[in-house]
mmCIF file of all heavy atoms, coordinates in Angstrom:
data_MODEL
# 
_entry.id   MODEL 
# 
loop_
_atom_site.group_PDB 
_atom_site.id 
_atom_site.type_symbol 
_atom_site.label_atom_id 
_atom_site.label_alt_id 
_atom_site.label_comp_id 
_atom_site.label_asym_id 
_atom_site.label_entity_id 
_atom_site.label_seq_id 
_atom_site.pdbx_PDB_ins_code 
_atom_site.Cartn_x 
_atom_site.Cartn_y 
_atom_site.Cartn_z 
_atom_site.occupancy 
_atom_site.B_iso_or_equiv 
_atom_site.pdbx_formal_charge 
_atom_site.auth_seq_id 
_atom_site.auth_comp_id 
_atom_site.auth_asym_id 
_atom_site.auth_atom_id 
_atom_site.pdbx_PDB_model_num 
ATOM 1   N N   . SER A 1 1  ? -6.588  -6.278  0.746  1.00 0.00 ? 1  SER A N   1 
ATOM 2   C CA  . SER A 1 1  ? -7.994  -6.211  0.339  1.00 0.00 ? 1  SER A CA  1 
ATOM 3   C C   . SER A 1 1  ? -8.762  -7.407  0.885  1.00 0.00 ? 1  SER A C   1 
ATOM 4   O O   . SER A 1 1  ? -8.182  -8.400  1.312  1.00 0.00 ? 1  SER A O   1 
ATOM 5   C CB  . SER A 1 1  ? -8.110  -6.151  -1.187 1.00 0.00 ? 1  SER A CB  1 
ATOM 6   O OG  . SER A 1 1  ? -7.558  -7.307  -1.759 1.00 0.00 ? 1  SER A OG  1 
ATOM 7   N N   . HIS A 1 2  ? -10.070 -7.270  0.856  1.00 0.00 ? 2  HIS A N   1 
ATOM 8   C CA  . HIS A 1 2  ? -10.982 -8.315  1.326  1.00 0.00 ? 2  HIS A CA  1 
ATOM 9   C C   . HIS A 1 2  ? -11.828 -8.747  0.132  1.00 0.00 ? 2  HIS A C   1 
ATOM 10  O O   . HIS A 1 2  ? -12.915 -8.227  -0.077 1.00 0.00 ? 2  HIS A O   1 
ATOM 11  C CB  . HIS A 1 2  ? -11.858 -7.794  2.464  1.00 0.00 ? 2  HIS A CB  1 
ATOM 12  C CG  . HIS A 1 2  ? -11.066 -7.293  3.622  1.00 0.00 ? 2  HIS A CG  1 
ATOM 13  N ND1 . HIS A 1 2  ? -10.578 -8.127  4.592  1.00 0.00 ? 2  HIS A ND1 1 
ATOM 14  C CD2 . HIS A 1 2  ? -10.648 -6.048  3.954  1.00 0.00 ? 2  HIS A CD2 1 
ATOM 15  C CE1 . HIS A 1 2  ? -9.899  -7.427  5.483  1.00 0.00 ? 2  HIS A CE1 1 
ATOM 16  N NE2 . HIS A 1 2  ? -9.923  -6.161  5.118  1.00 0.00 ? 2  HIS A NE2 1 
ATOM 17  N N   . PRO A 1 3  ? -11.308 -9.674  -0.688 1.00 0.00 ? 3  PRO A N   1 
ATOM 18  C CA  . PRO A 1 3  ? -12.050 -10.072 -1.888 1.00 0.00 ? 3  PRO A CA  1 
ATOM 19  C C   . PRO A 1 3  ? -13.385 -10.718 -1.539 1.00 0.00 ? 3  PRO A C   1 
ATOM 20  O O   . PRO A 1 3  ? -13.529 -11.347 -0.498 1.00 0.00 ? 3  PRO A O   1 
ATOM 21  C CB  . PRO A 1 3  ? -11.121 -11.059 -2.578 1.00 0.00 ? 3  PRO A CB  1 
ATOM 22  C CG  . PRO A 1 3  ? -10.118 -11.468 -1.568 1.00 0.00 ? 3  PRO A CG  1 
ATOM 23  C CD  . PRO A 1 3  ? -10.086 -10.420 -0.505 1.00 0.00 ? 3  PRO A CD  1 
ATOM 24  N N   . GLY A 1 4  ? -14.323 -10.528 -2.432 1.00 0.00 ? 4  GLY A N   1 
ATOM 25  C CA  . GLY A 1 4  ? -15.628 -11.153 -2.256 1.00 0.00 ? 4  GLY A CA  1 
ATOM 26  C C   . GLY A 1 4  ? -16.611 -10.301 -1.481 1.00 0.00 ? 4  GLY A C   1 
ATOM 27  O O   . GLY A 1 4  ? -17.784 -10.647 -1.403 1.00 0.00 ? 4  GLY A O   1 
ATOM 28  N N   . GLN A 1 5  ? -16.176 -9.207  -0.917 1.00 0.00 ? 5  GLN A N   1 
ATOM 29  C CA  . GLN A 1 5  ? -17.117 -8.335  -0.234 1.00 0.00 ? 5  GLN A CA  1 
ATOM 30  C C   . GLN A 1 5  ? -17.841 -7.498  -1.278 1.00 0.00 ? 5  GLN A C   1 
ATOM 31  O O   . GLN A 1 5  ? -17.686 -7.718  -2.468 1.00 0.00 ? 5  GLN A O   1 
ATOM 32  C CB  . GLN A 1 5  ? -16.392 -7.481  0.793  1.00 0.00 ? 5  GLN A CB  1 
ATOM 33  C CG  . GLN A 1 5  ? -15.766 -8.368  1.868  1.00 0.00 ? 5  GLN A CG  1 
ATOM 34  C CD  . GLN A 1 5  ? -15.518 -7.622  3.154  1.00 0.00 ? 5  GLN A CD  1 
ATOM 35  O OE1 . GLN A 1 5  ? -15.712 -6.431  3.263  1.00 0.00 ? 5  GLN A OE1 1 
ATOM 36  N NE2 . GLN A 1 5  ? -15.086 -8.357  4.156  1.00 0.00 ? 5  GLN A NE2 1 
ATOM 37  N N   . THR A 1 6  ? -18.605 -6.534  -0.855 1.00 0.00 ? 6  THR A N   1 
ATOM 38  C CA  . THR A 1 6  ? -19.412 -5.770  -1.804 1.00 0.00 ? 6  THR A CA  1 
ATOM 39  C C   . THR A 1 6  ? -18.565 -5.104  -2.882 1.00 0.00 ? 6  THR A C   1 
ATOM 40  O O   . THR A 1 6  ? -18.987 -4.969  -4.002 1.00 0.00 ? 6  THR A O   1 
ATOM 41  C CB  . THR A 1 6  ? -20.237 -4.702  -1.066 1.00 0.00 ? 6  THR A CB  1 
ATOM 42  O OG1 . THR A 1 6  ? -19.355 -3.891  -0.295 1.00 0.00 ? 6  THR A OG1 1 
ATOM 43  C CG2 . THR A 1 6  ? -21.276 -5.339  -0.187 1.00 0.00 ? 6  THR A CG2 1 
ATOM 44  N N   . ALA A 1 7  ? -17.368 -4.697  -2.544 1.00 0.00 ? 7  ALA A N   1 
ATOM 45  C CA  . ALA A 1 7  ? -16.453 -4.116  -3.534 1.00 0.00 ? 7  ALA A CA  1 
ATOM 46  C C   . ALA A 1 7  ? -15.069 -4.706  -3.316 1.00 0.00 ? 7  ALA A C   1 
ATOM 47  O O   . ALA A 1 7  ? -14.591 -4.774  -2.192 1.00 0.00 ? 7  ALA A O   1 
ATOM 48  C CB  . ALA A 1 7  ? -16.415 -2.600  -3.389 1.00 0.00 ? 7  ALA A CB  1 
ATOM 49  N N   . ASP A 1 8  ? -14.446 -5.131  -4.385 1.00 0.00 ? 8  ASP A N   1 
ATOM 50  C CA  . ASP A 1 8  ? -13.097 -5.702  -4.292 1.00 0.00 ? 8  ASP A CA  1 
ATOM 51  C C   . ASP A 1 8  ? -12.048 -4.590  -4.363 1.00 0.00 ? 8  ASP A C   1 
ATOM 52  O O   . ASP A 1 8  ? -11.140 -4.625  -5.171 1.00 0.00 ? 8  ASP A O   1 
ATOM 53  C CB  . ASP A 1 8  ? -12.865 -6.706  -5.413 1.00 0.00 ? 8  ASP A CB  1 
ATOM 54  C CG  . ASP A 1 8  ? -13.548 -8.028  -5.144 1.00 0.00 ? 8  ASP A CG  1 
ATOM 55  O OD1 . ASP A 1 8  ? -13.948 -8.264  -3.997 1.00 0.00 ? 8  ASP A OD1 1 
ATOM 56  O OD2 . ASP A 1 8  ? -13.685 -8.816  -6.091 1.00 0.00 ? 8  ASP A OD2 1 
ATOM 57  N N   . THR A 1 9  ? -12.196 -3.605  -3.514 1.00 0.00 ? 9  THR A N   1 
ATOM 58  C CA  . THR A 1 9  ? -11.231 -2.519  -3.491 1.00 0.00 ? 9  THR A CA  1 
ATOM 59  C C   . THR A 1 9  ? -10.280 -2.716  -2.323 1.00 0.00 ? 9  THR A C   1 
ATOM 60  O O   . THR A 1 9  ? -10.575 -3.441  -1.375 1.00 0.00 ? 9  THR A O   1 
ATOM 61  C CB  . THR A 1 9  ? -11.935 -1.153  -3.345 1.00 0.00 ? 9  THR A CB  1 
ATOM 62  O OG1 . THR A 1 9  ? -12.718 -1.179  -2.159 1.00 0.00 ? 9  THR A OG1 1 
ATOM 63  C CG2 . THR A 1 9  ? -12.814 -0.870  -4.540 1.00 0.00 ? 9  THR A CG2 1 
ATOM 64  N N   . ALA A 1 10 ? -9.155  -2.072  -2.399 1.00 0.00 ? 10 ALA A N   1 
ATOM 65  C CA  . ALA A 1 10 ? -8.152  -2.205  -1.349 1.00 0.00 ? 10 ALA A CA  1 
ATOM 66  C C   . ALA A 1 10 ? -8.637  -1.538  -0.065 1.00 0.00 ? 10 ALA A C   1 
ATOM 67  O O   . ALA A 1 10 ? -9.123  -0.420  -0.084 1.00 0.00 ? 10 ALA A O   1 
ATOM 68  C CB  . ALA A 1 10 ? -6.845  -1.578  -1.797 1.00 0.00 ? 10 ALA A CB  1 
ATOM 69  N N   . ALA A 1 11 ? -8.517  -2.268  1.045  1.00 0.00 ? 11 ALA A N   1 
ATOM 70  C CA  . ALA A 1 11 ? -8.841  -1.699  2.342  1.00 0.00 ? 11 ALA A CA  1 
ATOM 71  C C   . ALA A 1 11 ? -7.725  -0.761  2.795  1.00 0.00 ? 11 ALA A C   1 
ATOM 72  O O   . ALA A 1 11 ? -7.964  0.253   3.440  1.00 0.00 ? 11 ALA A O   1 
ATOM 73  C CB  . ALA A 1 11 ? -9.054  -2.809  3.366  1.00 0.00 ? 11 ALA A CB  1 
ATOM 74  N N   . ARG A 1 12 ? -6.486  -1.123  2.444  1.00 0.00 ? 12 ARG A N   1 
ATOM 75  C CA  . ARG A 1 12 ? -5.308  -0.302  2.743  1.00 0.00 ? 12 ARG A CA  1 
ATOM 76  C C   . ARG A 1 12 ? -4.375  -0.378  1.552  1.00 0.00 ? 12 ARG A C   1 
ATOM 77  O O   . ARG A 1 12 ? -4.246  -1.418  0.925  1.00 0.00 ? 12 ARG A O   1 
ATOM 78  C CB  . ARG A 1 12 ? -4.574  -0.821  3.978  1.00 0.00 ? 12 ARG A CB  1 
ATOM 79  C CG  . ARG A 1 12 ? -5.283  -0.623  5.267  1.00 0.00 ? 12 ARG A CG  1 
ATOM 80  C CD  . ARG A 1 12 ? -4.380  -0.987  6.459  1.00 0.00 ? 12 ARG A CD  1 
ATOM 81  N NE  . ARG A 1 12 ? -3.752  -2.286  6.364  1.00 0.00 ? 12 ARG A NE  1 
ATOM 82  C CZ  . ARG A 1 12 ? -4.150  -3.372  7.023  1.00 0.00 ? 12 ARG A CZ  1 
ATOM 83  N NH1 . ARG A 1 12 ? -5.182  -3.294  7.827  1.00 0.00 ? 12 ARG A NH1 1 
ATOM 84  N NH2 . ARG A 1 12 ? -3.510  -4.511  6.900  1.00 0.00 ? 12 ARG A NH2 1 
ATOM 85  N N   . ALA A 1 13 ? -3.688  0.708   1.306  1.00 0.00 ? 13 ALA A N   1 
ATOM 86  C CA  . ALA A 1 13 ? -2.676  0.733   0.246  1.00 0.00 ? 13 ALA A CA  1 
ATOM 87  C C   . ALA A 1 13 ? -1.577  1.705   0.654  1.00 0.00 ? 13 ALA A C   1 
ATOM 88  O O   . ALA A 1 13 ? -1.856  2.760   1.224  1.00 0.00 ? 13 ALA A O   1 
ATOM 89  C CB  . ALA A 1 13 ? -3.289  1.159   -1.082 1.00 0.00 ? 13 ALA A CB  1 
ATOM 90  N N   . VAL A 1 14 ? -0.340  1.310   0.395  1.00 0.00 ? 14 VAL A N   1 
ATOM 91  C CA  . VAL A 1 14 ? 0.811   2.171   0.660  1.00 0.00 ? 14 VAL A CA  1 
ATOM 92  C C   . VAL A 1 14 ? 1.762   2.102   -0.525 1.00 0.00 ? 14 VAL A C   1 
ATOM 93  O O   . VAL A 1 14 ? 1.729   1.149   -1.301 1.00 0.00 ? 14 VAL A O   1 
ATOM 94  C CB  . VAL A 1 14 ? 1.561   1.785   1.959  1.00 0.00 ? 14 VAL A CB  1 
ATOM 95  C CG1 . VAL A 1 14 ? 0.682   1.979   3.190  1.00 0.00 ? 14 VAL A CG1 1 
ATOM 96  C CG2 . VAL A 1 14 ? 2.097   0.371   1.894  1.00 0.00 ? 14 VAL A CG2 1 
ATOM 97  N N   . THR A 1 15 ? 2.598   3.116   -0.628 1.00 0.00 ? 15 THR A N   1 
ATOM 98  C CA  . THR A 1 15 ? 3.632   3.126   -1.659 1.00 0.00 ? 15 THR A CA  1 
ATOM 99  C C   . THR A 1 15 ? 4.994   3.001   -0.994 1.00 0.00 ? 15 THR A C   1 
ATOM 100 O O   . THR A 1 15 ? 5.170   3.383   0.168  1.00 0.00 ? 15 THR A O   1 
ATOM 101 C CB  . THR A 1 15 ? 3.587   4.423   -2.478 1.00 0.00 ? 15 THR A CB  1 
ATOM 102 O OG1 . THR A 1 15 ? 3.775   5.537   -1.600 1.00 0.00 ? 15 THR A OG1 1 
ATOM 103 C CG2 . THR A 1 15 ? 2.270   4.552   -3.218 1.00 0.00 ? 15 THR A CG2 1 
ATOM 104 N N   . LEU A 1 16 ? 5.943   2.459   -1.735 1.00 0.00 ? 16 LEU A N   1 
ATOM 105 C CA  . LEU A 1 16 ? 7.296   2.290   -1.224 1.00 0.00 ? 16 LEU A CA  1 
ATOM 106 C C   . LEU A 1 16 ? 8.279   2.447   -2.373 1.00 0.00 ? 16 LEU A C   1 
ATOM 107 O O   . LEU A 1 16 ? 8.149   1.792   -3.398 1.00 0.00 ? 16 LEU A O   1 
ATOM 108 C CB  . LEU A 1 16 ? 7.459   0.908   -0.593 1.00 0.00 ? 16 LEU A CB  1 
ATOM 109 C CG  . LEU A 1 16 ? 8.830   0.572   -0.017 1.00 0.00 ? 16 LEU A CG  1 
ATOM 110 C CD1 . LEU A 1 16 ? 9.147   1.460   1.183  1.00 0.00 ? 16 LEU A CD1 1 
ATOM 111 C CD2 . LEU A 1 16 ? 8.893   -0.887  0.382  1.00 0.00 ? 16 LEU A CD2 1 
ATOM 112 N N   . SER A 1 17 ? 9.225   3.342   -2.198 1.00 0.00 ? 17 SER A N   1 
ATOM 113 C CA  . SER A 1 17 ? 10.301  3.528   -3.169 1.00 0.00 ? 17 SER A CA  1 
ATOM 114 C C   . SER A 1 17 ? 11.619  3.337   -2.431 1.00 0.00 ? 17 SER A C   1 
ATOM 115 O O   . SER A 1 17 ? 11.824  3.931   -1.373 1.00 0.00 ? 17 SER A O   1 
ATOM 116 C CB  . SER A 1 17 ? 10.226  4.925   -3.783 1.00 0.00 ? 17 SER A CB  1 
ATOM 117 O OG  . SER A 1 17 ? 11.282  5.115   -4.684 1.00 0.00 ? 17 SER A OG  1 
ATOM 118 N N   . CYS A 1 18 ? 12.493  2.505   -2.973 1.00 0.00 ? 18 CYS A N   1 
ATOM 119 C CA  . CYS A 1 18 ? 13.733  2.160   -2.268 1.00 0.00 ? 18 CYS A CA  1 
ATOM 120 C C   . CYS A 1 18 ? 14.994  2.736   -2.897 1.00 0.00 ? 18 CYS A C   1 
ATOM 121 O O   . CYS A 1 18 ? 16.073  2.542   -2.358 1.00 0.00 ? 18 CYS A O   1 
ATOM 122 C CB  . CYS A 1 18 ? 13.852  0.645   -2.166 1.00 0.00 ? 18 CYS A CB  1 
ATOM 123 S SG  . CYS A 1 18 ? 12.567  -0.102  -1.149 1.00 0.00 ? 18 CYS A SG  1 
ATOM 124 N N   . ALA A 1 19 ? 14.905  3.400   -4.032 1.00 0.00 ? 19 ALA A N   1 
ATOM 125 C CA  . ALA A 1 19 ? 16.119  3.934   -4.654 1.00 0.00 ? 19 ALA A CA  1 
ATOM 126 C C   . ALA A 1 19 ? 15.845  5.329   -5.181 1.00 0.00 ? 19 ALA A C   1 
ATOM 127 O O   . ALA A 1 19 ? 14.826  5.538   -5.817 1.00 0.00 ? 19 ALA A O   1 
ATOM 128 C CB  . ALA A 1 19 ? 16.574  3.027   -5.782 1.00 0.00 ? 19 ALA A CB  1 
ATOM 129 N N   . PRO A 1 20 ? 16.682  6.275   -4.922 1.00 0.00 ? 20 PRO A N   1 
ATOM 130 C CA  . PRO A 1 20 ? 17.953  6.166   -4.217 1.00 0.00 ? 20 PRO A CA  1 
ATOM 131 C C   . PRO A 1 20 ? 17.810  6.138   -2.700 1.00 0.00 ? 20 PRO A C   1 
ATOM 132 O O   . PRO A 1 20 ? 18.712  5.703   -2.006 1.00 0.00 ? 20 PRO A O   1 
ATOM 133 C CB  . PRO A 1 20 ? 18.727  7.397   -4.666 1.00 0.00 ? 20 PRO A CB  1 
ATOM 134 C CG  . PRO A 1 20 ? 17.685  8.399   -4.969 1.00 0.00 ? 20 PRO A CG  1 
ATOM 135 C CD  . PRO A 1 20 ? 16.499  7.610   -5.483 1.00 0.00 ? 20 PRO A CD  1 
ATOM 136 N N   . GLY A 1 21 ? 16.691  6.562   -2.167 1.00 0.00 ? 21 GLY A N   1 
ATOM 137 C CA  . GLY A 1 21 ? 16.468  6.497   -0.722 1.00 0.00 ? 21 GLY A CA  1 
ATOM 138 C C   . GLY A 1 21 ? 15.112  5.873   -0.445 1.00 0.00 ? 21 GLY A C   1 
ATOM 139 O O   . GLY A 1 21 ? 14.274  5.766   -1.326 1.00 0.00 ? 21 GLY A O   1 
ATOM 140 N N   . ALA A 1 22 ? 14.893  5.480   0.793  1.00 0.00 ? 22 ALA A N   1 
ATOM 141 C CA  . ALA A 1 22 ? 13.632  4.849   1.174  1.00 0.00 ? 22 ALA A CA  1 
ATOM 142 C C   . ALA A 1 22 ? 12.594  5.929   1.456  1.00 0.00 ? 22 ALA A C   1 
ATOM 143 O O   . ALA A 1 22 ? 12.763  6.738   2.357  1.00 0.00 ? 22 ALA A O   1 
ATOM 144 C CB  . ALA A 1 22 ? 13.839  3.978   2.400  1.00 0.00 ? 22 ALA A CB  1 
ATOM 145 N N   . THR A 1 23 ? 11.529  5.944   0.648  1.00 0.00 ? 23 THR A N   1 
ATOM 146 C CA  . THR A 1 23 ? 10.455  6.920   0.805  1.00 0.00 ? 23 THR A CA  1 
ATOM 147 C C   . THR A 1 23 ? 9.121   6.258   0.504  1.00 0.00 ? 23 THR A C   1 
ATOM 148 O O   . THR A 1 23 ? 9.068   5.113   0.081  1.00 0.00 ? 23 THR A O   1 
ATOM 149 C CB  . THR A 1 23 ? 10.637  8.117   -0.147 1.00 0.00 ? 23 THR A CB  1 
ATOM 150 O OG1 . THR A 1 23 ? 10.603  7.631   -1.489 1.00 0.00 ? 23 THR A OG1 1 
ATOM 151 C CG2 . THR A 1 23 ? 11.930  8.863   0.097  1.00 0.00 ? 23 THR A CG2 1 
ATOM 152 N N   . GLY A 1 24 ? 8.062   6.992   0.689  1.00 0.00 ? 24 GLY A N   1 
ATOM 153 C CA  . GLY A 1 24 ? 6.723   6.515   0.365  1.00 0.00 ? 24 GLY A CA  1 
ATOM 154 C C   . GLY A 1 24 ? 5.798   6.670   1.548  1.00 0.00 ? 24 GLY A C   1 
ATOM 155 O O   . GLY A 1 24 ? 6.168   7.202   2.595  1.00 0.00 ? 24 GLY A O   1 
ATOM 156 N N   . THR A 1 25 ? 4.582   6.175   1.379  1.00 0.00 ? 25 THR A N   1 
ATOM 157 C CA  . THR A 1 25 ? 3.589   6.266   2.447  1.00 0.00 ? 25 THR A CA  1 
ATOM 158 C C   . THR A 1 25 ? 3.635   5.064   3.385  1.00 0.00 ? 25 THR A C   1 
ATOM 159 O O   . THR A 1 25 ? 2.865   5.004   4.333  1.00 0.00 ? 25 THR A O   1 
ATOM 160 C CB  . THR A 1 25 ? 2.168   6.408   1.857  1.00 0.00 ? 25 THR A CB  1 
ATOM 161 O OG1 . THR A 1 25 ? 1.893   5.270   1.026  1.00 0.00 ? 25 THR A OG1 1 
ATOM 162 C CG2 . THR A 1 25 ? 2.037   7.689   1.036  1.00 0.00 ? 25 THR A CG2 1 
ATOM 163 N N   . HIS A 1 26 ? 4.513   4.121   3.119  1.00 0.00 ? 26 HIS A N   1 
ATOM 164 C CA  . HIS A 1 26 ? 4.692   2.972   4.011  1.00 0.00 ? 26 HIS A CA  1 
ATOM 165 C C   . HIS A 1 26 ? 5.104   3.498   5.386  1.00 0.00 ? 26 HIS A C   1 
ATOM 166 O O   . HIS A 1 26 ? 5.911   4.424   5.474  1.00 0.00 ? 26 HIS A O   1 
ATOM 167 C CB  . HIS A 1 26 ? 5.770   2.044   3.448  1.00 0.00 ? 26 HIS A CB  1 
ATOM 168 C CG  . HIS A 1 26 ? 5.827   0.712   4.112  1.00 0.00 ? 26 HIS A CG  1 
ATOM 169 N ND1 . HIS A 1 26 ? 6.367   0.526   5.364  1.00 0.00 ? 26 HIS A ND1 1 
ATOM 170 C CD2 . HIS A 1 26 ? 5.403   -0.508  3.695  1.00 0.00 ? 26 HIS A CD2 1 
ATOM 171 C CE1 . HIS A 1 26 ? 6.273   -0.749  5.691  1.00 0.00 ? 26 HIS A CE1 1 
ATOM 172 N NE2 . HIS A 1 26 ? 5.696   -1.401  4.692  1.00 0.00 ? 26 HIS A NE2 1 
ATOM 173 N N   . PRO A 1 27 ? 4.586   2.929   6.486  1.00 0.00 ? 27 PRO A N   1 
ATOM 174 C CA  . PRO A 1 27 ? 4.912   3.449   7.825  1.00 0.00 ? 27 PRO A CA  1 
ATOM 175 C C   . PRO A 1 27 ? 6.382   3.305   8.227  1.00 0.00 ? 27 PRO A C   1 
ATOM 176 O O   . PRO A 1 27 ? 6.866   4.058   9.062  1.00 0.00 ? 27 PRO A O   1 
ATOM 177 C CB  . PRO A 1 27 ? 4.006   2.655   8.767  1.00 0.00 ? 27 PRO A CB  1 
ATOM 178 C CG  . PRO A 1 27 ? 3.511   1.493   7.989  1.00 0.00 ? 27 PRO A CG  1 
ATOM 179 C CD  . PRO A 1 27 ? 3.595   1.854   6.540  1.00 0.00 ? 27 PRO A CD  1 
ATOM 180 N N   . ALA A 1 28 ? 7.114   2.363   7.649  1.00 0.00 ? 28 ALA A N   1 
ATOM 181 C CA  . ALA A 1 28 ? 8.538   2.168   7.970  1.00 0.00 ? 28 ALA A CA  1 
ATOM 182 C C   . ALA A 1 28 ? 9.311   1.905   6.679  1.00 0.00 ? 28 ALA A C   1 
ATOM 183 O O   . ALA A 1 28 ? 9.781   0.790   6.439  1.00 0.00 ? 28 ALA A O   1 
ATOM 184 C CB  . ALA A 1 28 ? 8.707   1.015   8.943  1.00 0.00 ? 28 ALA A CB  1 
ATOM 185 N N   . PRO A 1 29 ? 9.475   2.917   5.814  1.00 0.00 ? 29 PRO A N   1 
ATOM 186 C CA  . PRO A 1 29 ? 10.086  2.657   4.506  1.00 0.00 ? 29 PRO A CA  1 
ATOM 187 C C   . PRO A 1 29 ? 11.528  2.163   4.575  1.00 0.00 ? 29 PRO A C   1 
ATOM 188 O O   . PRO A 1 29 ? 11.905  1.279   3.813  1.00 0.00 ? 29 PRO A O   1 
ATOM 189 C CB  . PRO A 1 29 ? 9.983   4.001   3.783  1.00 0.00 ? 29 PRO A CB  1 
ATOM 190 C CG  . PRO A 1 29 ? 9.771   5.016   4.838  1.00 0.00 ? 29 PRO A CG  1 
ATOM 191 C CD  . PRO A 1 29 ? 9.090   4.313   5.971  1.00 0.00 ? 29 PRO A CD  1 
# 
């Protein structure tokens, strides 16, 4: 995120789950 701009919202967000397998929206889980 870019704090202090007009909105303190995340510019990018990903999810990552590592158990039992590597999954999520991360580009290289």
